[in-house]
Amino acid sequence: QVQLVESGGGLVQAGGSLRLSCSCAASGGFFASVGMGWFRQAPGKEREFVAAISWSGGSPLYADSVKGRFTISRDIAKNTVYLQMNSLKSEDTAVYYCGASWRSTAQAMAENYRGLTYWGKGTLVTVSS
């Protein structure tokens, strides 16, 4: 059984920063074998890709809207993936979800995220202007 749990959301002023965490509870070396990504869904909008990191490492991938402001990283020892969000804007307000897919590249997660196998329940980020 795989469980993803997001944390770190909250209310922040525009221009501020937050760091989201996604902890993965699973057996064996599961976390080291999955691509991980962050996605978000704003009120009244569809879920969209934010950032992803391949199961095998390499350069992460970012949505254009967050490039240069957000950074995704993973700590294999802690079974945790992070999303550092800087220079937050009101349009970043959304529920943020982490997702995982077995041996997936960042590109595949960005293109096929609607079919991801594993999802967390999300954490709300509210940016006030």
C-alpha atoms as a PDB file:
ATOM      1  CA  GLN A   1       0.000   0.000   0.000  1.00  0.00           C
ATOM      2  CA  VAL A   2       1.277   3.442  -0.956  1.00  0.00           C
ATOM      3  CA  GLN A   3       0.310   6.613   0.845  1.00  0.00           C
ATOM      4  CA  LEU A   4       1.299  10.152  -0.106  1.00  0.00           C
ATOM      5  CA  VAL A   5       0.753  12.892   2.454  1.00  0.00           C
ATOM      6  CA  GLU A   6       1.264  16.550   1.645  1.00  0.00           C
ATOM      7  CA  SER A   7       1.979  19.246   4.220  1.00  0.00           C
ATOM      8  CA  GLY A   8       3.233  22.797   4.435  1.00  0.00           C
ATOM      9  CA  GLY A   9       0.363  24.680   2.879  1.00  0.00           C
ATOM     10  CA  GLY A  10      -1.082  27.814   4.391  1.00  0.00           C
ATOM     11  CA  LEU A  11      -1.763  31.498   3.964  1.00  0.00           C
ATOM     12  CA  VAL A  12       1.052  33.722   2.730  1.00  0.00           C
ATOM     13  CA  GLN A  13       1.299  37.223   1.356  1.00  0.00           C
ATOM     14  CA  ALA A  14       2.226  37.839  -2.245  1.00  0.00           C
ATOM     15  CA  GLY A  15       5.989  37.808  -2.634  1.00  0.00           C
ATOM     16  CA  GLY A  16       6.420  35.367   0.218  1.00  0.00           C
ATOM     17  CA  SER A  17       7.628  31.780   0.303  1.00  0.00           C
ATOM     18  CA  LEU A  18       6.377  28.369   1.355  1.00  0.00           C
ATOM     19  CA  ARG A  19       7.868  24.900   1.274  1.00  0.00           C
ATOM     20  CA  LEU A  20       5.570  21.991   0.648  1.00  0.00           C
ATOM     21  CA  SER A  21       6.475  18.449   1.614  1.00  0.00           C
ATOM     22  CA  CYS A  22       5.114  15.158   0.375  1.00  0.00           C
ATOM     23  CA  SER A  23       5.919  12.141   2.478  1.00  0.00           C
ATOM     24  CA  CYS A  24       5.677   8.729   0.861  1.00  0.00           C
ATOM     25  CA  ALA A  25       4.752   5.734   2.996  1.00  0.00           C
ATOM     26  CA  ALA A  26       5.516   2.545   1.131  1.00  0.00           C
ATOM     27  CA  SER A  27       7.492  -0.614   1.516  1.00  0.00           C
ATOM     28  CA  GLY A  28      10.975  -1.395   0.272  1.00  0.00           C
ATOM     29  CA  GLY A  29      12.615   0.814  -2.325  1.00  0.00           C
ATOM     30  CA  PHE A  30       9.368   2.104  -3.800  1.00  0.00           C
ATOM     31  CA  PHE A  31      10.167   5.783  -3.398  1.00  0.00           C
ATOM     32  CA  ALA A  32      13.484   5.444  -5.208  1.00  0.00           C
ATOM     33  CA  SER A  33      11.697   3.874  -8.172  1.00  0.00           C
ATOM     34  CA  VAL A  34       8.968   6.418  -8.830  1.00  0.00           C
ATOM     35  CA  GLY A  35       8.804   9.699 -10.609  1.00  0.00           C
ATOM     36  CA  MET A  36       7.353  12.374  -8.344  1.00  0.00           C
ATOM     37  CA  GLY A  37       5.470  15.488  -9.226  1.00  0.00           C
ATOM     38  CA  TRP A  38       3.525  18.434  -7.897  1.00  0.00           C
ATOM     39  CA  PHE A  39       0.246  19.518  -9.392  1.00  0.00           C
ATOM     40  CA  ARG A  40      -2.327  22.098  -8.420  1.00  0.00           C
ATOM     41  CA  GLN A  41      -5.984  22.859  -8.831  1.00  0.00           C
ATOM     42  CA  ALA A  42      -7.335  26.351  -8.418  1.00  0.00           C
ATOM     43  CA  PRO A  43     -11.024  26.963  -7.653  1.00  0.00           C
ATOM     44  CA  GLY A  44     -13.109  26.413 -10.738  1.00  0.00           C
ATOM     45  CA  LYS A  45     -10.173  25.190 -12.801  1.00  0.00           C
ATOM     46  CA  GLU A  46      -8.760  21.870 -13.865  1.00  0.00           C
ATOM     47  CA  ARG A  47      -5.782  20.285 -12.191  1.00  0.00           C
ATOM     48  CA  GLU A  48      -2.518  21.349 -13.808  1.00  0.00           C
ATOM     49  CA  PHE A  49       1.093  20.293 -13.817  1.00  0.00           C
ATOM     50  CA  VAL A  50       3.517  22.306 -11.683  1.00  0.00           C
ATOM     51  CA  ALA A  51       6.817  20.408 -11.397  1.00  0.00           C
ATOM     52  CA  ALA A  52       8.176  16.883 -11.674  1.00  0.00           C
ATOM     53  CA  ILE A  53      11.331  14.919 -11.088  1.00  0.00           C
ATOM     54  CA  SER A  54      12.235  11.681 -12.801  1.00  0.00           C
ATOM     55  CA  TRP A  55      12.601   8.435 -10.882  1.00  0.00           C
ATOM     56  CA  SER A  56      16.181   8.176 -12.146  1.00  0.00           C
ATOM     57  CA  GLY A  57      17.213  11.729 -11.313  1.00  0.00           C
ATOM     58  CA  GLY A  58      18.233  14.282 -13.878  1.00  0.00           C
ATOM     59  CA  SER A  59      16.885  17.750 -14.467  1.00  0.00           C
ATOM     60  CA  PRO A  60      13.440  18.485 -13.074  1.00  0.00           C
ATOM     61  CA  LEU A  61      10.704  19.885 -15.267  1.00  0.00           C
ATOM     62  CA  TYR A  62       8.595  22.948 -14.482  1.00  0.00           C
ATOM     63  CA  ALA A  63       5.511  24.599 -15.821  1.00  0.00           C
ATOM     64  CA  ASP A  64       6.306  27.914 -17.469  1.00  0.00           C
ATOM     65  CA  SER A  65       4.183  29.734 -14.906  1.00  0.00           C
ATOM     66  CA  VAL A  66       6.443  28.672 -12.025  1.00  0.00           C
ATOM     67  CA  LYS A  67       9.827  28.404 -13.706  1.00  0.00           C
ATOM     68  CA  GLY A  68      12.454  30.391 -11.810  1.00  0.00           C
ATOM     69  CA  ARG A  69      10.256  30.650  -8.716  1.00  0.00           C
ATOM     70  CA  PHE A  70       9.583  27.036  -7.667  1.00  0.00           C
ATOM     71  CA  THR A  71      12.077  24.255  -7.025  1.00  0.00           C
ATOM     72  CA  ILE A  72      11.292  20.557  -6.700  1.00  0.00           C
ATOM     73  CA  SER A  73      13.653  18.249  -4.872  1.00  0.00           C
ATOM     74  CA  ARG A  74      13.610  14.833  -3.289  1.00  0.00           C
ATOM     75  CA  ASP A  75      15.274  13.221  -0.295  1.00  0.00           C
ATOM     76  CA  ILE A  76      15.474   9.482  -0.884  1.00  0.00           C
ATOM     77  CA  ALA A  77      16.534   8.794   2.703  1.00  0.00           C
ATOM     78  CA  LYS A  78      13.429  10.561   4.027  1.00  0.00           C
ATOM     79  CA  ASN A  79      11.034   9.303   1.340  1.00  0.00           C
ATOM     80  CA  THR A  80      10.013  12.913   0.829  1.00  0.00           C
ATOM     81  CA  VAL A  81       9.678  15.266  -2.095  1.00  0.00           C
ATOM     82  CA  TYR A  82       9.624  19.018  -1.599  1.00  0.00           C
ATOM     83  CA  LEU A  83       8.372  22.033  -3.477  1.00  0.00           C
ATOM     84  CA  GLN A  84      10.060  25.288  -2.517  1.00  0.00           C
ATOM     85  CA  MET A  85       7.863  28.147  -3.666  1.00  0.00           C
ATOM     86  CA  ASN A  86       9.282  31.657  -3.764  1.00  0.00           C
ATOM     87  CA  SER A  87       7.941  34.975  -5.021  1.00  0.00           C
ATOM     88  CA  LEU A  88       4.409  33.698  -4.644  1.00  0.00           C
ATOM     89  CA  LYS A  89       1.621  35.353  -6.582  1.00  0.00           C
ATOM     90  CA  SER A  90      -2.113  35.407  -6.020  1.00  0.00           C
ATOM     91  CA  GLU A  91      -2.522  33.174  -9.069  1.00  0.00           C
ATOM     92  CA  ASP A  92      -0.553  30.463  -7.260  1.00  0.00           C
ATOM     93  CA  THR A  93      -3.516  30.008  -4.918  1.00  0.00           C
ATOM     94  CA  ALA A  94      -4.667  26.402  -5.255  1.00  0.00           C
ATOM     95  CA  VAL A  95      -4.780  22.999  -3.659  1.00  0.00           C
ATOM     96  CA  TYR A  96      -1.403  21.398  -4.297  1.00  0.00           C
ATOM     97  CA  TYR A  97      -1.182  17.667  -4.819  1.00  0.00           C
ATOM     98  CA  CYS A  98       1.761  15.371  -5.099  1.00  0.00           C
ATOM     99  CA  GLY A  99       1.623  12.401  -7.405  1.00  0.00           C
ATOM    100  CA  ALA A 100       3.807   9.410  -8.135  1.00  0.00           C
ATOM    101  CA  SER A 101       4.228   7.009 -11.004  1.00  0.00           C
ATOM    102  CA  TRP A 102       6.374   3.905 -11.277  1.00  0.00           C
ATOM    103  CA  ARG A 103       9.641   4.542 -13.108  1.00  0.00           C
ATOM    104  CA  SER A 104       8.276   7.623 -14.776  1.00  0.00           C
ATOM    105  CA  THR A 105      10.276  10.466 -16.245  1.00  0.00           C
ATOM    106  CA  ALA A 106       9.511  14.067 -15.477  1.00  0.00           C
ATOM    107  CA  GLN A 107       8.357  14.594 -19.040  1.00  0.00           C
ATOM    108  CA  ALA A 108       5.936  11.685 -18.877  1.00  0.00           C
ATOM    109  CA  MET A 109       4.487  12.940 -15.622  1.00  0.00           C
ATOM    110  CA  ALA A 110       3.979  16.399 -17.085  1.00  0.00           C
ATOM    111  CA  GLU A 111       2.212  14.991 -20.147  1.00  0.00           C
ATOM    112  CA  ASN A 112       0.203  12.158 -18.577  1.00  0.00           C
ATOM    113  CA  TYR A 113      -0.476  13.308 -15.029  1.00  0.00           C
ATOM    114  CA  ARG A 114      -4.194  12.683 -15.273  1.00  0.00           C
ATOM    115  CA  GLY A 115      -3.423   8.984 -15.278  1.00  0.00           C
ATOM    116  CA  LEU A 116      -1.008   8.918 -12.361  1.00  0.00           C
ATOM    117  CA  THR A 117      -1.315   5.876 -10.145  1.00  0.00           C
ATOM    118  CA  TYR A 118      -0.759   7.494  -6.777  1.00  0.00           C
ATOM    119  CA  TRP A 119      -2.053  10.775  -5.393  1.00  0.00           C
ATOM    120  CA  GLY A 120      -2.040  12.579  -2.089  1.00  0.00           C
ATOM    121  CA  LYS A 121      -5.097  14.381  -0.751  1.00  0.00           C
ATOM    122  CA  GLY A 122      -3.617  17.826  -1.237  1.00  0.00           C
ATOM    123  CA  THR A 123      -2.642  20.860   0.790  1.00  0.00           C
ATOM    124  CA  LEU A 124      -4.149  24.309   0.354  1.00  0.00           C
ATOM    125  CA  VAL A 125      -1.973  27.276  -0.517  1.00  0.00           C
ATOM    126  CA  THR A 126      -3.571  30.706  -0.343  1.00  0.00           C
ATOM    127  CA  VAL A 127      -1.629  33.746  -1.514  1.00  0.00           C
ATOM    128  CA  SER A 128      -3.097  37.080  -0.510  1.00  0.00           C
ATOM    129  CA  SER A 129      -2.422  40.125  -2.629  1.00  0.00           C
END
